Amino acid sequence: MRVSKKSGTIRSSIVIQADLKTVWKNITEVRIEGYKTPALLRILDIPKPVSAEIISEGIGGKRIALFDNGKRFEQVILTWQPFQTYSFAFNPE
């Protein structure tokens, strides 16, 4: 049996009226406990993300994402240019 891994890139843009520091912090240090669970997550029975915290900054650094069912994802930072670009890969615990 052959198992293949798929990878891809998700890109999106939106205009936000806030300073760069505020936007960057809200992208990298996420707190969403109070937000309503999106319908698609409920339909697919996907746990609700609760928060994500940077453990170490920069390329090769780590961020931990927590979910409402107690699971966590460790995310490895792939690109890190403060206030410009940020990407990560993640592996479920």
N, C-alpha and C. Protein backbone atom coordinates (compact mmCIF):
# COMPACT_ATOMS: atom_id res chain seq x y z
N MET A 1 0.84 -1.17 0.00
CA MET A 1 0.00 0.00 0.00
C MET A 1 0.89 1.24 0.00
N ARG A 2 0.57 2.16 -0.85
CA ARG A 2 1.35 3.39 -0.97
C ARG A 2 0.59 4.55 -0.34
N VAL A 3 1.26 5.26 0.53
CA VAL A 3 0.67 6.43 1.18
C VAL A 3 1.38 7.66 0.66
N SER A 4 0.61 8.63 0.24
CA SER A 4 1.22 9.87 -0.25
C SER A 4 0.79 11.03 0.63
N LYS A 5 1.68 11.98 0.76
CA LYS A 5 1.38 13.19 1.51
C LYS A 5 1.08 14.30 0.52
N LYS A 6 0.07 15.07 0.82
CA LYS A 6 -0.27 16.21 -0.02
C LYS A 6 0.11 17.47 0.72
N SER A 7 0.56 18.44 -0.02
CA SER A 7 0.84 19.74 0.58
C SER A 7 0.33 20.82 -0.35
N GLY A 8 0.15 21.98 0.20
CA GLY A 8 -0.36 23.07 -0.61
C GLY A 8 -0.18 24.38 0.12
N THR A 9 -0.63 25.41 -0.51
CA THR A 9 -0.54 26.76 0.04
C THR A 9 -1.92 27.38 0.02
N ILE A 10 -2.27 28.01 1.13
CA ILE A 10 -3.52 28.75 1.21
C ILE A 10 -3.15 30.22 1.29
N ARG A 11 -3.72 31.01 0.41
CA ARG A 11 -3.45 32.44 0.41
C ARG A 11 -4.76 33.20 0.44
N SER A 12 -4.72 34.31 1.14
CA SER A 12 -5.90 35.16 1.25
C SER A 12 -5.42 36.57 1.58
N SER A 13 -6.23 37.56 1.28
CA SER A 13 -5.87 38.92 1.66
C SER A 13 -7.13 39.69 2.04
N ILE A 14 -6.93 40.67 2.92
CA ILE A 14 -8.01 41.52 3.38
C ILE A 14 -7.39 42.82 3.89
N VAL A 15 -8.08 43.92 3.74
CA VAL A 15 -7.60 45.20 4.23
C VAL A 15 -8.07 45.37 5.67
N ILE A 16 -7.14 45.63 6.58
CA ILE A 16 -7.45 45.79 8.00
C ILE A 16 -6.97 47.16 8.45
N GLN A 17 -7.82 47.88 9.14
CA GLN A 17 -7.45 49.21 9.64
C GLN A 17 -6.91 49.07 11.06
N ALA A 18 -5.62 48.73 11.15
CA ALA A 18 -4.94 48.59 12.43
C ALA A 18 -3.44 48.71 12.16
N ASP A 19 -2.68 49.01 13.21
CA ASP A 19 -1.23 49.11 13.03
C ASP A 19 -0.63 47.71 12.86
N LEU A 20 0.55 47.64 12.25
CA LEU A 20 1.20 46.37 11.95
C LEU A 20 1.44 45.52 13.18
N LYS A 21 1.83 46.13 14.28
CA LYS A 21 2.11 45.39 15.51
C LYS A 21 0.85 44.64 16.00
N THR A 22 -0.29 45.32 15.97
CA THR A 22 -1.54 44.70 16.40
C THR A 22 -1.93 43.55 15.48
N VAL A 23 -1.82 43.76 14.18
CA VAL A 23 -2.17 42.71 13.22
C VAL A 23 -1.24 41.51 13.40
N TRP A 24 0.05 41.74 13.50
CA TRP A 24 1.03 40.65 13.65
C TRP A 24 0.73 39.84 14.91
N LYS A 25 0.47 40.50 16.01
CA LYS A 25 0.19 39.80 17.28
C LYS A 25 -1.06 38.94 17.15
N ASN A 26 -2.09 39.45 16.47
CA ASN A 26 -3.32 38.68 16.32
C ASN A 26 -3.19 37.51 15.35
N ILE A 27 -2.21 37.54 14.50
CA ILE A 27 -1.95 36.41 13.59
C ILE A 27 -1.11 35.34 14.28
N THR A 28 -0.11 35.77 15.03
CA THR A 28 0.83 34.81 15.62
C THR A 28 0.41 34.32 17.00
N GLU A 29 -0.26 35.14 17.79
CA GLU A 29 -0.72 34.77 19.14
C GLU A 29 -2.24 34.81 19.15
N VAL A 30 -2.86 33.69 18.91
CA VAL A 30 -4.30 33.63 18.67
C VAL A 30 -5.07 33.28 19.95
N ARG A 31 -6.12 34.04 20.24
CA ARG A 31 -7.04 33.76 21.35
C ARG A 31 -8.46 33.84 20.78
N ILE A 32 -9.10 32.69 20.64
CA ILE A 32 -10.43 32.70 20.02
C ILE A 32 -11.47 31.94 20.85
N GLU A 33 -11.25 31.86 22.16
CA GLU A 33 -12.18 31.13 23.02
C GLU A 33 -13.61 31.64 22.89
N GLY A 34 -13.79 32.93 22.74
CA GLY A 34 -15.11 33.52 22.72
C GLY A 34 -15.82 33.50 21.39
N TYR A 35 -15.14 33.08 20.34
CA TYR A 35 -15.76 33.08 19.02
C TYR A 35 -16.64 31.85 18.82
N LYS A 36 -17.69 32.04 18.05
CA LYS A 36 -18.61 30.94 17.73
C LYS A 36 -17.91 29.95 16.80
N THR A 37 -18.16 28.66 17.03
CA THR A 37 -17.57 27.62 16.18
C THR A 37 -18.19 27.71 14.78
N PRO A 38 -17.35 27.81 13.73
CA PRO A 38 -17.89 27.86 12.37
C PRO A 38 -18.72 26.62 12.06
N ALA A 39 -19.80 26.81 11.32
CA ALA A 39 -20.72 25.72 10.99
C ALA A 39 -20.00 24.54 10.32
N LEU A 40 -19.06 24.84 9.43
CA LEU A 40 -18.36 23.75 8.74
C LEU A 40 -17.60 22.87 9.72
N LEU A 41 -16.98 23.45 10.72
CA LEU A 41 -16.28 22.64 11.73
C LEU A 41 -17.26 21.74 12.48
N ARG A 42 -18.43 22.29 12.84
CA ARG A 42 -19.43 21.50 13.55
C ARG A 42 -19.94 20.36 12.67
N ILE A 43 -20.23 20.65 11.41
CA ILE A 43 -20.75 19.63 10.49
C ILE A 43 -19.74 18.50 10.31
N LEU A 44 -18.46 18.86 10.18
CA LEU A 44 -17.41 17.86 9.96
C LEU A 44 -16.88 17.27 11.27
N ASP A 45 -17.45 17.69 12.40
CA ASP A 45 -17.04 17.23 13.73
C ASP A 45 -15.55 17.48 13.98
N ILE A 46 -15.09 18.66 13.53
CA ILE A 46 -13.70 19.06 13.74
C ILE A 46 -13.65 19.89 15.01
N PRO A 47 -12.69 19.61 15.90
CA PRO A 47 -12.62 20.37 17.15
C PRO A 47 -12.41 21.86 16.90
N LYS A 48 -12.96 22.66 17.81
CA LYS A 48 -12.85 24.12 17.69
C LYS A 48 -11.48 24.57 18.17
N PRO A 49 -10.76 25.36 17.36
CA PRO A 49 -9.50 25.94 17.83
C PRO A 49 -9.79 26.91 18.97
N VAL A 50 -8.94 26.92 19.98
CA VAL A 50 -9.12 27.79 21.13
C VAL A 50 -8.04 28.86 21.19
N SER A 51 -6.80 28.44 21.00
CA SER A 51 -5.69 29.41 21.09
C SER A 51 -4.46 28.84 20.41
N ALA A 52 -3.50 29.73 20.17
CA ALA A 52 -2.19 29.32 19.66
C ALA A 52 -1.17 30.26 20.27
N GLU A 53 -0.05 29.71 20.68
CA GLU A 53 0.97 30.51 21.35
C GLU A 53 2.34 30.21 20.75
N ILE A 54 3.08 31.26 20.43
CA ILE A 54 4.45 31.12 19.94
C ILE A 54 5.33 30.68 21.11
N ILE A 55 6.04 29.59 20.92
CA ILE A 55 6.98 29.09 21.93
C ILE A 55 8.38 29.63 21.63
N SER A 56 8.73 29.63 20.35
CA SER A 56 10.01 30.21 19.93
C SER A 56 9.83 30.82 18.55
N GLU A 57 10.30 32.04 18.38
CA GLU A 57 10.11 32.79 17.14
C GLU A 57 11.14 32.41 16.08
N GLY A 58 10.85 32.79 14.84
CA GLY A 58 11.79 32.63 13.75
C GLY A 58 11.62 31.31 13.02
N ILE A 59 12.30 31.20 11.88
CA ILE A 59 12.26 29.97 11.08
C ILE A 59 12.76 28.82 11.94
N GLY A 60 12.01 27.73 11.96
CA GLY A 60 12.34 26.58 12.80
C GLY A 60 11.76 26.69 14.20
N GLY A 61 11.18 27.86 14.53
CA GLY A 61 10.55 28.05 15.82
C GLY A 61 9.26 27.26 15.92
N LYS A 62 8.58 27.36 17.06
CA LYS A 62 7.38 26.57 17.27
C LYS A 62 6.24 27.40 17.81
N ARG A 63 5.03 26.97 17.44
CA ARG A 63 3.80 27.52 17.98
C ARG A 63 2.94 26.32 18.36
N ILE A 64 2.26 26.41 19.49
CA ILE A 64 1.37 25.34 19.94
C ILE A 64 -0.07 25.82 19.80
N ALA A 65 -0.89 25.05 19.09
CA ALA A 65 -2.30 25.36 18.91
C ALA A 65 -3.13 24.41 19.77
N LEU A 66 -4.07 24.96 20.56
CA LEU A 66 -4.91 24.16 21.45
C LEU A 66 -6.35 24.15 20.93
N PHE A 67 -7.04 23.01 21.15
CA PHE A 67 -8.40 22.83 20.68
C PHE A 67 -9.32 22.50 21.85
N ASP A 68 -10.62 22.72 21.66
CA ASP A 68 -11.57 22.56 22.76
C ASP A 68 -11.72 21.12 23.25
N ASN A 69 -11.23 20.15 22.50
CA ASN A 69 -11.32 18.75 22.94
C ASN A 69 -10.03 18.31 23.66
N GLY A 70 -9.14 19.27 23.96
CA GLY A 70 -7.91 18.94 24.67
C GLY A 70 -6.74 18.61 23.76
N LYS A 71 -6.98 18.45 22.48
CA LYS A 71 -5.89 18.14 21.54
C LYS A 71 -5.05 19.38 21.30
N ARG A 72 -3.84 19.15 20.83
CA ARG A 72 -2.95 20.26 20.50
C ARG A 72 -2.14 19.91 19.26
N PHE A 73 -1.82 20.92 18.49
CA PHE A 73 -0.98 20.76 17.31
C PHE A 73 0.31 21.51 17.58
N GLU A 74 1.41 20.89 17.25
CA GLU A 74 2.69 21.59 17.28
C GLU A 74 2.96 22.08 15.87
N GLN A 75 3.15 23.37 15.74
CA GLN A 75 3.35 23.97 14.43
C GLN A 75 4.79 24.47 14.33
N VAL A 76 5.48 24.05 13.27
CA VAL A 76 6.86 24.47 13.04
C VAL A 76 6.83 25.67 12.09
N ILE A 77 7.49 26.75 12.47
CA ILE A 77 7.49 27.97 11.68
C ILE A 77 8.40 27.78 10.46
N LEU A 78 7.84 28.01 9.28
CA LEU A 78 8.58 27.83 8.01
C LEU A 78 9.12 29.15 7.47
N THR A 79 8.32 30.21 7.57
CA THR A 79 8.78 31.54 7.17
C THR A 79 8.45 32.51 8.28
N TRP A 80 9.33 33.48 8.50
CA TRP A 80 9.15 34.43 9.59
C TRP A 80 9.82 35.74 9.22
N GLN A 81 9.04 36.67 8.77
CA GLN A 81 9.50 38.03 8.50
C GLN A 81 8.50 38.94 9.20
N PRO A 82 8.81 39.34 10.44
CA PRO A 82 7.85 40.11 11.24
C PRO A 82 7.19 41.25 10.46
N PHE A 83 5.89 41.32 10.62
CA PHE A 83 5.01 42.33 10.01
C PHE A 83 4.87 42.16 8.50
N GLN A 84 5.42 41.07 7.94
CA GLN A 84 5.33 40.85 6.49
C GLN A 84 4.79 39.48 6.13
N THR A 85 5.45 38.41 6.57
CA THR A 85 5.03 37.07 6.18
C THR A 85 5.31 36.07 7.28
N TYR A 86 4.46 35.06 7.34
CA TYR A 86 4.54 34.05 8.40
C TYR A 86 3.84 32.80 7.88
N SER A 87 4.48 31.67 7.98
CA SER A 87 3.83 30.42 7.60
C SER A 87 4.35 29.31 8.51
N PHE A 88 3.56 28.24 8.58
CA PHE A 88 3.95 27.13 9.45
C PHE A 88 3.39 25.82 8.91
N ALA A 89 3.99 24.73 9.35
CA ALA A 89 3.48 23.38 9.10
C ALA A 89 3.05 22.85 10.45
N PHE A 90 2.10 21.95 10.47
CA PHE A 90 1.70 21.40 11.77
C PHE A 90 1.49 19.90 11.71
N ASN A 91 1.68 19.29 12.87
CA ASN A 91 1.46 17.86 13.04
C ASN A 91 0.58 17.67 14.27
N PRO A 92 -0.53 16.94 14.13
CA PRO A 92 -1.38 16.71 15.31
C PRO A 92 -0.64 15.88 16.34
N GLU A 93 -0.96 16.11 17.59
CA GLU A 93 -0.34 15.37 18.70
C GLU A 93 -0.76 13.92 18.64
